């Protein structure tokens, strides 16, 4: 567990390059993202612009030195009017800080932010082999809503995508 940290609202100027590094590590070395190509700094700046335009939060955890240890955000689940109060979230932790409770802190803060913003449901789309992420979601009250088989192909294998859901307003 990390003792000295703070949760911050991330912004492009201060955090874009650190978020880029975390995203690209996930792309190159995990199935957390079903992508093949590394993102660019321009991609991340556009990502921040999209988040700001739609009032979607980007939360981070910084250590005492101001190093971003991880970040979390949410965005539209589906782009239909009836889905306005349902969001899909993501949580990423820098490889040097995994296993220290950072993801739990981020996801807990993101849940609170979603409640404050009037969201009804949060959805996590998790690679079915990501046992750590699934365990975290279950600990925070998410329930398994279904798995779609073989929807991704990465590292020479077909990947199943599990959906976990938390209803915020009950």
C-alpha atoms as a PDB file:
ATOM      1  CA  UNK A   1       0.000   0.000   0.000  1.00  0.00           C
ATOM      2  CA  UNK A   2       1.224   3.504  -0.822  1.00  0.00           C
ATOM      3  CA  UNK A   3       1.045   5.783   2.236  1.00  0.00           C
ATOM      4  CA  UNK A   4       1.832   9.168   0.731  1.00  0.00           C
ATOM      5  CA  UNK A   5      -0.176   9.966  -2.334  1.00  0.00           C
ATOM      6  CA  UNK A   6      -2.853  12.324  -3.485  1.00  0.00           C
ATOM      7  CA  UNK A   7      -5.749  12.003  -5.887  1.00  0.00           C
ATOM      8  CA  UNK A   8      -5.689  14.749  -8.509  1.00  0.00           C
ATOM      9  CA  UNK A   9      -7.727  15.901 -11.484  1.00  0.00           C
ATOM     10  CA  UNK A  10      -5.411  15.227 -14.422  1.00  0.00           C
ATOM     11  CA  UNK A  11      -4.855  17.750 -17.192  1.00  0.00           C
ATOM     12  CA  UNK A  12      -3.122  17.474 -20.534  1.00  0.00           C
ATOM     13  CA  UNK A  13      -0.348  19.951 -19.808  1.00  0.00           C
ATOM     14  CA  UNK A  14       0.848  18.269 -16.640  1.00  0.00           C
ATOM     15  CA  UNK A  15      -0.063  14.632 -17.194  1.00  0.00           C
ATOM     16  CA  UNK A  16      -0.266  13.828 -20.927  1.00  0.00           C
ATOM     17  CA  UNK A  17       3.226  12.361 -21.275  1.00  0.00           C
ATOM     18  CA  UNK A  18       2.873  10.242 -18.130  1.00  0.00           C
ATOM     19  CA  UNK A  19      -0.538   8.960 -19.239  1.00  0.00           C
ATOM     20  CA  UNK A  20       0.939   8.227 -22.672  1.00  0.00           C
ATOM     21  CA  UNK A  21       3.638   6.066 -21.056  1.00  0.00           C
ATOM     22  CA  UNK A  22       1.085   4.153 -18.985  1.00  0.00           C
ATOM     23  CA  UNK A  23      -1.227   3.603 -21.981  1.00  0.00           C
ATOM     24  CA  UNK A  24       1.606   2.464 -24.230  1.00  0.00           C
ATOM     25  CA  UNK A  25       2.930   0.009 -21.663  1.00  0.00           C
ATOM     26  CA  UNK A  26      -0.568  -1.494 -21.440  1.00  0.00           C
ATOM     27  CA  UNK A  27      -0.827  -1.683 -25.237  1.00  0.00           C
ATOM     28  CA  UNK A  28       2.572  -3.321 -25.701  1.00  0.00           C
ATOM     29  CA  UNK A  29       2.613  -5.693 -22.731  1.00  0.00           C
ATOM     30  CA  UNK A  30      -0.936  -6.567 -21.711  1.00  0.00           C
ATOM     31  CA  UNK A  31      -4.447  -7.297 -22.872  1.00  0.00           C
ATOM     32  CA  UNK A  32      -5.873  -4.407 -20.840  1.00  0.00           C
ATOM     33  CA  UNK A  33      -6.268  -2.575 -24.153  1.00  0.00           C
ATOM     34  CA  UNK A  34      -7.212  -4.400 -27.324  1.00  0.00           C
ATOM     35  CA  UNK A  35      -4.886  -2.224 -29.392  1.00  0.00           C
ATOM     36  CA  UNK A  36      -1.686  -2.993 -31.288  1.00  0.00           C
ATOM     37  CA  UNK A  37      -0.137   0.391 -32.032  1.00  0.00           C
ATOM     38  CA  UNK A  38       1.292   2.750 -29.449  1.00  0.00           C
ATOM     39  CA  UNK A  39      -0.545   6.025 -29.021  1.00  0.00           C
ATOM     40  CA  UNK A  40       1.105   9.376 -29.689  1.00  0.00           C
ATOM     41  CA  UNK A  41       1.204  12.512 -27.583  1.00  0.00           C
ATOM     42  CA  UNK A  42      -1.216  14.057 -30.096  1.00  0.00           C
ATOM     43  CA  UNK A  43      -3.603  11.133 -29.501  1.00  0.00           C
ATOM     44  CA  UNK A  44      -3.513  11.801 -25.758  1.00  0.00           C
ATOM     45  CA  UNK A  45      -4.114  15.510 -26.221  1.00  0.00           C
ATOM     46  CA  UNK A  46      -7.163  14.661 -28.340  1.00  0.00           C
ATOM     47  CA  UNK A  47      -8.274  12.181 -25.688  1.00  0.00           C
ATOM     48  CA  UNK A  48      -8.082  14.944 -23.053  1.00  0.00           C
ATOM     49  CA  UNK A  49     -10.029  17.326 -25.314  1.00  0.00           C
ATOM     50  CA  UNK A  50     -12.769  14.721 -25.768  1.00  0.00           C
ATOM     51  CA  UNK A  51     -12.948  14.128 -22.005  1.00  0.00           C
ATOM     52  CA  UNK A  52     -13.197  17.871 -21.320  1.00  0.00           C
ATOM     53  CA  UNK A  53     -15.799  18.448 -24.043  1.00  0.00           C
ATOM     54  CA  UNK A  54     -18.071  15.778 -22.543  1.00  0.00           C
ATOM     55  CA  UNK A  55     -17.304  16.576 -18.883  1.00  0.00           C
ATOM     56  CA  UNK A  56     -15.747  13.158 -18.270  1.00  0.00           C
ATOM     57  CA  UNK A  57     -13.262  13.092 -15.382  1.00  0.00           C
ATOM     58  CA  UNK A  58      -9.651  11.982 -15.553  1.00  0.00           C
ATOM     59  CA  UNK A  59      -8.423  11.234 -12.040  1.00  0.00           C
ATOM     60  CA  UNK A  60      -4.870  10.386 -11.117  1.00  0.00           C
ATOM     61  CA  UNK A  61      -2.837   9.307  -8.126  1.00  0.00           C
ATOM     62  CA  UNK A  62       0.451  11.140  -7.619  1.00  0.00           C
ATOM     63  CA  UNK A  63       3.186  10.347  -5.146  1.00  0.00           C
ATOM     64  CA  UNK A  64       5.028  12.936  -3.039  1.00  0.00           C
ATOM     65  CA  UNK A  65       7.302  13.782  -5.983  1.00  0.00           C
ATOM     66  CA  UNK A  66       4.358  14.448  -8.294  1.00  0.00           C
ATOM     67  CA  UNK A  67       4.850  11.244 -10.297  1.00  0.00           C
ATOM     68  CA  UNK A  68       1.591   9.919 -11.752  1.00  0.00           C
ATOM     69  CA  UNK A  69       1.298   6.348 -10.468  1.00  0.00           C
ATOM     70  CA  UNK A  70      -1.993   5.646 -12.221  1.00  0.00           C
ATOM     71  CA  UNK A  71      -5.128   7.189 -13.657  1.00  0.00           C
ATOM     72  CA  UNK A  72      -8.787   6.416 -14.181  1.00  0.00           C
ATOM     73  CA  UNK A  73     -11.528   7.853 -16.315  1.00  0.00           C
ATOM     74  CA  UNK A  74     -14.906   7.128 -17.741  1.00  0.00           C
ATOM     75  CA  UNK A  75     -16.685   7.910 -20.959  1.00  0.00           C
ATOM     76  CA  UNK A  76     -19.856   7.106 -22.832  1.00  0.00           C
ATOM     77  CA  UNK A  77     -20.916   3.460 -22.707  1.00  0.00           C
ATOM     78  CA  UNK A  78     -22.841   3.733 -25.952  1.00  0.00           C
ATOM     79  CA  UNK A  79     -23.603   6.852 -27.929  1.00  0.00           C
ATOM     80  CA  UNK A  80     -27.391   6.737 -27.713  1.00  0.00           C
ATOM     81  CA  UNK A  81     -29.549   9.195 -25.757  1.00  0.00           C
ATOM     82  CA  UNK A  82     -31.009   6.469 -23.544  1.00  0.00           C
ATOM     83  CA  UNK A  83     -27.508   5.523 -22.364  1.00  0.00           C
ATOM     84  CA  UNK A  84     -26.741   9.025 -21.055  1.00  0.00           C
ATOM     85  CA  UNK A  85     -26.443   7.883 -17.425  1.00  0.00           C
ATOM     86  CA  UNK A  86     -24.330   4.799 -18.089  1.00  0.00           C
ATOM     87  CA  UNK A  87     -20.563   5.132 -18.372  1.00  0.00           C
ATOM     88  CA  UNK A  88     -17.732   2.767 -19.203  1.00  0.00           C
ATOM     89  CA  UNK A  89     -14.646   3.261 -17.097  1.00  0.00           C
ATOM     90  CA  UNK A  90     -10.996   2.323 -17.206  1.00  0.00           C
ATOM     91  CA  UNK A  91      -8.199   2.228 -14.644  1.00  0.00           C
ATOM     92  CA  UNK A  92      -4.506   1.992 -15.463  1.00  0.00           C
ATOM     93  CA  UNK A  93      -1.579   1.796 -13.047  1.00  0.00           C
ATOM     94  CA  UNK A  94       2.077   2.373 -13.954  1.00  0.00           C
ATOM     95  CA  UNK A  95       3.964  -0.924 -13.915  1.00  0.00           C
ATOM     96  CA  UNK A  96       6.208   0.235 -11.043  1.00  0.00           C
ATOM     97  CA  UNK A  97       3.237   0.789  -8.724  1.00  0.00           C
ATOM     98  CA  UNK A  98       1.001  -2.220  -9.364  1.00  0.00           C
ATOM     99  CA  UNK A  99      -0.101  -4.306  -6.407  1.00  0.00           C
ATOM    100  CA  UNK A 100       0.029  -1.363  -3.981  1.00  0.00           C
ATOM    101  CA  UNK A 101      -3.650  -0.436  -3.803  1.00  0.00           C
ATOM    102  CA  UNK A 102      -3.480   2.352  -6.405  1.00  0.00           C
ATOM    103  CA  UNK A 103      -6.184   0.855  -8.649  1.00  0.00           C
ATOM    104  CA  UNK A 104      -8.540   0.499  -5.687  1.00  0.00           C
ATOM    105  CA  UNK A 105      -7.998   4.142  -4.705  1.00  0.00           C
ATOM    106  CA  UNK A 106      -8.601   5.292  -8.261  1.00  0.00           C
ATOM    107  CA  UNK A 107     -11.690   3.199  -8.874  1.00  0.00           C
ATOM    108  CA  UNK A 108     -13.192   4.201  -5.505  1.00  0.00           C
ATOM    109  CA  UNK A 109     -12.636   7.881  -6.325  1.00  0.00           C
ATOM    110  CA  UNK A 110     -14.074   7.405  -9.818  1.00  0.00           C
ATOM    111  CA  UNK A 111     -17.196   5.757  -8.390  1.00  0.00           C
ATOM    112  CA  UNK A 112     -17.698   8.756  -6.103  1.00  0.00           C
ATOM    113  CA  UNK A 113     -17.181  11.154  -9.024  1.00  0.00           C
ATOM    114  CA  UNK A 114     -19.733   9.243 -11.113  1.00  0.00           C
ATOM    115  CA  UNK A 115     -22.263   9.460  -8.280  1.00  0.00           C
ATOM    116  CA  UNK A 116     -21.613  13.202  -7.905  1.00  0.00           C
ATOM    117  CA  UNK A 117     -22.124  13.629 -11.643  1.00  0.00           C
ATOM    118  CA  UNK A 118     -25.505  11.888 -11.557  1.00  0.00           C
ATOM    119  CA  UNK A 119     -24.484   8.690 -13.318  1.00  0.00           C
ATOM    120  CA  UNK A 120     -26.653   5.605 -12.755  1.00  0.00           C
ATOM    121  CA  UNK A 121     -24.466   2.712 -13.910  1.00  0.00           C
ATOM    122  CA  UNK A 122     -20.744   2.081 -14.379  1.00  0.00           C
ATOM    123  CA  UNK A 123     -19.534  -0.641 -16.735  1.00  0.00           C
ATOM    124  CA  UNK A 124     -16.073  -2.181 -16.766  1.00  0.00           C
ATOM    125  CA  UNK A 125     -15.073  -4.117 -19.882  1.00  0.00           C
ATOM    126  CA  UNK A 126     -12.251  -6.369 -18.666  1.00  0.00           C
ATOM    127  CA  UNK A 127     -10.196  -8.995 -20.438  1.00  0.00           C
ATOM    128  CA  UNK A 128     -11.553 -12.224 -18.931  1.00  0.00           C
ATOM    129  CA  UNK A 129      -8.028 -13.369 -18.003  1.00  0.00           C
ATOM    130  CA  UNK A 130      -7.319 -10.218 -15.980  1.00  0.00           C
ATOM    131  CA  UNK A 131      -7.980 -11.827 -12.592  1.00  0.00           C
ATOM    132  CA  UNK A 132      -6.599  -8.877 -10.598  1.00  0.00           C
ATOM    133  CA  UNK A 133      -8.951  -6.385 -12.226  1.00  0.00           C
ATOM    134  CA  UNK A 134     -11.921  -8.722 -11.891  1.00  0.00           C
ATOM    135  CA  UNK A 135     -11.153  -9.273  -8.184  1.00  0.00           C
ATOM    136  CA  UNK A 136     -10.890  -5.514  -7.622  1.00  0.00           C
ATOM    137  CA  UNK A 137     -14.218  -4.869  -9.300  1.00  0.00           C
ATOM    138  CA  UNK A 138     -15.918  -7.578  -7.241  1.00  0.00           C
ATOM    139  CA  UNK A 139     -14.461  -6.111  -4.011  1.00  0.00           C
ATOM    140  CA  UNK A 140     -15.970  -2.745  -4.893  1.00  0.00           C
ATOM    141  CA  UNK A 141     -19.427  -4.188  -5.524  1.00  0.00           C
ATOM    142  CA  UNK A 142     -19.424  -4.760  -9.272  1.00  0.00           C
ATOM    143  CA  UNK A 143     -21.259  -7.831 -10.513  1.00  0.00           C
ATOM    144  CA  UNK A 144     -20.563  -9.925 -13.587  1.00  0.00           C
ATOM    145  CA  UNK A 145     -23.001  -8.873 -16.305  1.00  0.00           C
ATOM    146  CA  UNK A 146     -21.774 -11.223 -19.033  1.00  0.00           C
ATOM    147  CA  UNK A 147     -18.833 -12.314 -21.145  1.00  0.00           C
ATOM    148  CA  UNK A 148     -18.482 -12.071 -24.891  1.00  0.00           C
ATOM    149  CA  UNK A 149     -16.225 -14.818 -26.225  1.00  0.00           C
ATOM    150  CA  UNK A 150     -13.349 -14.335 -28.658  1.00  0.00           C
ATOM    151  CA  UNK A 151     -13.965 -10.659 -29.452  1.00  0.00           C
ATOM    152  CA  UNK A 152     -10.304  -9.698 -29.517  1.00  0.00           C
ATOM    153  CA  UNK A 153      -7.133 -11.193 -30.955  1.00  0.00           C
ATOM    154  CA  UNK A 154      -3.800 -10.227 -29.436  1.00  0.00           C
ATOM    155  CA  UNK A 155      -0.495 -11.949 -28.728  1.00  0.00           C
ATOM    156  CA  UNK A 156      -1.597 -14.913 -30.853  1.00  0.00           C
ATOM    157  CA  UNK A 157      -4.730 -15.687 -28.840  1.00  0.00           C
ATOM    158  CA  UNK A 158      -8.444 -15.022 -28.952  1.00  0.00           C
ATOM    159  CA  UNK A 159      -9.586 -12.884 -26.039  1.00  0.00           C
ATOM    160  CA  UNK A 160     -12.853 -12.965 -24.122  1.00  0.00           C
ATOM    161  CA  UNK A 161     -14.271  -9.699 -22.787  1.00  0.00           C
ATOM    162  CA  UNK A 162     -16.056  -9.766 -19.426  1.00  0.00           C
ATOM    163  CA  UNK A 163     -18.447  -6.998 -18.436  1.00  0.00           C
ATOM    164  CA  UNK A 164     -18.801  -5.925 -14.814  1.00  0.00           C
ATOM    165  CA  UNK A 165     -21.501  -3.524 -13.702  1.00  0.00           C
ATOM    166  CA  UNK A 166     -22.143  -1.347 -10.664  1.00  0.00           C
ATOM    167  CA  UNK A 167     -25.506   0.349 -10.253  1.00  0.00           C
ATOM    168  CA  UNK A 168     -24.730   3.577  -8.429  1.00  0.00           C
ATOM    169  CA  UNK A 169     -28.153   4.793  -7.374  1.00  0.00           C
ATOM    170  CA  UNK A 170     -29.410   1.870  -5.241  1.00  0.00           C
END
